[in-house]
Amino acid sequence: RVMVYRETKDGYTGTARRTFRQIMDRGFSDGTYPTAKDWRSHLCQIFTDVRLRETLEMRAVDTPPVEHLACVPAFFVGLLYDRESLRNVLDLLDGFEADDHRLALASAAKSGLKCRYGLRSMADVAGDVVRIAKEGLQRRTEAGLERIDATVFISPLEDNLASDTTFAERTLDWWERTANPSPERFVEAFRI
């Protein structure tokens, strides 16, 4: 894996996009060799699905449109911070094998909700998971642990399921409908 940057006393500096193995063998461009701090920094630059740091960090969602950012924490709070929801989603996913997950993940990147997750459609599985998360968020709201209107933040996910269209597909549609699309116009259109 390539090490992207290094923190020095002067701030962050690039590493000429060399692998950590190359840096271990030959050192950084300034002639110094990596320290334990550099190793930790490098591990933070590797974006696997799960990373163990001070907490268990799960990579799950790339940024949705800014107006829907709140759906991400609402979804995970409703799903993972409510015991009944956690039990329900584990029961739901119990019949799936690791290969089902890997195949669905690769297929979802190309086909969105239209792909398969094991023997079920991704849209059906996602619908069940979103419903479970919303129910968990509702229980937390009723217990006074969340804002009264917290479940409204789940609505963008329900809208995606109802339209069978993901945020990514909507972004691609924007790109295709834009005259003379360019990275600069894309950044400007979606800048926060």
Protein backbone atom coordinates (compact mmCIF):
# COMPACT_ATOMS: atom_id res chain seq x y z
CA ARG A 1 0.00 0.00 0.00
CA VAL A 2 1.13 3.51 -0.83
CA MET A 3 1.79 5.95 1.98
CA VAL A 4 0.18 9.24 0.93
CA TYR A 5 1.54 11.70 3.49
CA ARG A 6 3.77 12.00 6.53
CA GLU A 7 3.37 14.31 9.50
CA THR A 8 6.53 16.27 10.32
CA LYS A 9 7.28 19.15 12.65
CA ASP A 10 6.52 21.47 9.71
CA GLY A 11 3.12 19.89 8.94
CA TYR A 12 2.03 17.24 6.48
CA THR A 13 4.27 16.39 3.55
CA GLY A 14 3.80 14.00 0.64
CA THR A 15 5.82 10.80 0.39
CA ALA A 16 6.19 10.66 -3.40
CA ARG A 17 3.47 7.98 -3.28
CA ARG A 18 5.89 5.20 -2.38
CA THR A 19 4.87 2.02 -0.63
CA PHE A 20 5.62 1.70 3.04
CA ARG A 21 7.91 -1.24 2.16
CA GLN A 22 9.98 1.06 -0.09
CA ILE A 23 10.13 3.66 2.67
CA MET A 24 11.21 1.02 5.20
CA ASP A 25 14.01 -0.10 2.86
CA ARG A 26 15.24 3.30 1.64
CA GLY A 27 13.80 5.86 4.04
CA PHE A 28 11.95 9.07 3.29
CA SER A 29 13.27 11.62 0.80
CA ASP A 30 14.84 13.60 3.68
CA GLY A 31 17.00 10.57 4.58
CA THR A 32 15.10 9.64 7.76
CA TYR A 33 13.51 6.26 8.35
CA PRO A 34 9.96 5.60 9.52
CA THR A 35 9.06 5.61 13.19
CA ALA A 36 6.18 3.94 15.02
CA LYS A 37 4.28 7.23 14.54
CA ASP A 38 4.79 6.96 10.76
CA TRP A 39 3.56 3.36 10.81
CA ARG A 40 0.41 4.40 12.69
CA SER A 41 -0.14 7.26 10.25
CA HIS A 42 0.27 4.86 7.34
CA LEU A 43 -2.31 2.47 8.83
CA CYS A 44 -4.75 5.40 9.04
CA GLN A 45 -4.30 5.96 5.29
CA ILE A 46 -5.41 2.44 4.37
CA PHE A 47 -9.16 2.40 3.85
CA THR A 48 -10.29 -1.15 4.48
CA ASP A 49 -13.90 -1.98 5.38
CA VAL A 50 -12.97 -2.29 9.06
CA ARG A 51 -10.03 -0.79 10.96
CA LEU A 52 -9.19 -1.36 14.60
CA ARG A 53 -7.88 1.78 16.27
CA GLU A 54 -8.95 3.17 19.63
CA THR A 55 -12.39 2.14 18.44
CA LEU A 56 -13.64 -0.23 15.78
CA GLU A 57 -14.02 1.95 12.67
CA MET A 58 -16.26 0.67 9.90
CA ARG A 59 -16.17 2.15 6.43
CA ALA A 60 -19.72 2.13 5.30
CA VAL A 61 -20.88 5.19 3.45
CA ASP A 62 -19.26 7.60 1.09
CA THR A 63 -20.79 11.02 1.37
CA PRO A 64 -24.41 11.40 0.23
CA PRO A 65 -25.64 14.80 -0.99
CA VAL A 66 -25.10 17.45 1.67
CA GLU A 67 -28.83 17.86 2.32
CA HIS A 68 -28.95 14.17 3.29
CA LEU A 69 -25.81 13.92 5.44
CA ALA A 70 -27.86 13.35 8.60
CA CYS A 71 -29.23 10.07 7.21
CA VAL A 72 -25.85 8.40 7.75
CA PRO A 73 -25.59 8.75 11.55
CA ALA A 74 -29.36 8.31 11.95
CA PHE A 75 -29.20 5.00 10.08
CA PHE A 76 -26.28 3.65 12.11
CA VAL A 77 -27.62 4.86 15.46
CA GLY A 78 -30.98 3.22 14.77
CA LEU A 79 -29.32 0.04 13.59
CA LEU A 80 -26.42 -0.40 16.00
CA TYR A 81 -27.38 1.48 19.18
CA ASP A 82 -30.66 -0.36 19.73
CA ARG A 83 -30.38 -3.94 20.97
CA GLU A 84 -33.54 -5.13 19.24
CA SER A 85 -32.45 -3.65 15.91
CA LEU A 86 -29.02 -5.16 16.23
CA ARG A 87 -30.54 -8.57 16.98
CA ASN A 88 -32.97 -8.21 14.06
CA VAL A 89 -30.33 -7.24 11.51
CA LEU A 90 -28.03 -10.05 12.66
CA ASP A 91 -30.96 -12.48 12.26
CA LEU A 92 -31.69 -11.04 8.81
CA LEU A 93 -28.09 -11.46 7.66
CA ASP A 94 -27.58 -14.83 9.36
CA GLY A 95 -28.29 -16.87 6.24
CA PHE A 96 -25.76 -15.03 4.10
CA GLU A 97 -22.23 -16.31 3.53
CA ALA A 98 -19.07 -14.18 3.32
CA ASP A 99 -18.99 -14.81 -0.44
CA ASP A 100 -22.55 -13.45 -0.73
CA HIS A 101 -21.35 -10.24 0.91
CA ARG A 102 -18.25 -9.92 -1.28
CA LEU A 103 -20.19 -10.56 -4.48
CA ALA A 104 -22.96 -8.13 -3.51
CA LEU A 105 -20.46 -5.44 -2.57
CA ALA A 106 -18.69 -5.70 -5.92
CA SER A 107 -21.97 -5.85 -7.83
CA ALA A 108 -23.56 -2.96 -5.91
CA ALA A 109 -20.73 -0.69 -7.01
CA LYS A 110 -21.92 -1.18 -10.60
CA SER A 111 -25.62 -1.99 -10.27
CA GLY A 112 -26.74 -0.28 -7.05
CA LEU A 113 -29.98 -1.64 -5.64
CA LYS A 114 -30.57 -3.74 -8.77
CA CYS A 115 -28.00 -6.40 -7.86
CA ARG A 116 -28.49 -9.59 -5.86
CA TYR A 117 -27.53 -10.26 -2.27
CA GLY A 118 -27.41 -14.00 -2.08
CA LEU A 119 -30.78 -15.23 -3.32
CA ARG A 120 -32.54 -11.90 -2.61
CA SER A 121 -32.49 -8.59 -4.41
CA MET A 122 -30.28 -5.92 -2.86
CA ALA A 123 -33.30 -3.57 -2.81
CA ASP A 124 -35.26 -6.05 -0.66
CA VAL A 125 -32.39 -6.61 1.78
CA ALA A 126 -31.68 -2.87 1.96
CA GLY A 127 -35.38 -2.20 2.54
CA ASP A 128 -35.41 -4.58 5.49
CA VAL A 129 -32.23 -3.08 6.95
CA VAL A 130 -33.51 0.51 6.59
CA ARG A 131 -36.83 -0.51 8.20
CA ILE A 132 -34.97 -2.12 11.12
CA ALA A 133 -32.81 1.00 11.55
CA LYS A 134 -35.88 3.27 11.52
CA GLU A 135 -37.65 1.10 14.09
CA GLY A 136 -34.57 1.23 16.31
CA LEU A 137 -34.35 4.99 15.96
CA GLN A 138 -38.05 5.24 16.84
CA ARG A 139 -37.51 3.17 20.01
CA ARG A 140 -34.59 5.40 20.99
CA THR A 141 -36.74 8.48 20.34
CA GLU A 142 -39.56 7.08 22.50
CA ALA A 143 -37.02 6.35 25.27
CA GLY A 144 -35.89 10.00 25.16
CA LEU A 145 -32.46 9.13 23.79
CA GLU A 146 -32.94 10.99 20.48
CA ARG A 147 -34.72 14.06 19.18
CA ILE A 148 -38.45 13.69 18.73
CA ASP A 149 -38.11 13.98 14.94
CA ALA A 150 -34.99 11.82 14.51
CA THR A 151 -36.69 9.28 12.24
CA VAL A 152 -37.19 11.94 9.53
CA PHE A 153 -33.47 11.63 8.79
CA ILE A 154 -34.10 8.10 7.48
CA SER A 155 -36.43 9.46 4.76
CA PRO A 156 -33.72 9.94 2.06
CA LEU A 157 -32.88 6.24 2.30
CA GLU A 158 -36.56 5.32 2.02
CA ASP A 159 -36.82 7.64 -1.01
CA ASN A 160 -33.86 5.85 -2.63
CA LEU A 161 -35.56 2.51 -2.08
CA ALA A 162 -38.93 3.76 -3.39
CA SER A 163 -37.31 5.10 -6.56
CA ASP A 164 -34.87 2.16 -6.88
CA THR A 165 -32.16 4.81 -7.37
CA THR A 166 -29.06 5.42 -5.27
CA PHE A 167 -27.36 8.74 -4.52
CA ALA A 168 -24.54 7.64 -6.83
CA GLU A 169 -26.94 6.95 -9.71
CA ARG A 170 -28.50 10.39 -9.24
CA THR A 171 -25.03 11.94 -9.38
CA LEU A 172 -24.23 10.04 -12.59
CA ASP A 173 -27.53 11.23 -14.04
CA TRP A 174 -26.55 14.81 -13.19
CA TRP A 175 -23.21 14.28 -14.97
CA GLU A 176 -24.86 12.89 -18.09
CA ARG A 177 -27.44 15.72 -18.28
CA THR A 178 -24.84 18.48 -17.77
CA ALA A 179 -23.57 20.23 -20.87
CA ASN A 180 -19.78 19.93 -21.06
CA PRO A 181 -19.32 18.12 -17.75
CA SER A 182 -15.91 18.48 -16.15
CA PRO A 183 -14.35 17.67 -12.79
CA GLU A 184 -14.32 21.39 -12.00
CA ARG A 185 -18.06 21.75 -12.68
CA PHE A 186 -18.72 18.60 -10.64
CA VAL A 187 -16.80 19.96 -7.63
CA GLU A 188 -18.56 23.32 -7.92
CA ALA A 189 -22.01 21.70 -8.13
CA PHE A 190 -21.48 19.50 -5.09
CA ARG A 191 -19.28 21.75 -2.96
CA ILE A 192 -20.36 21.95 0.68
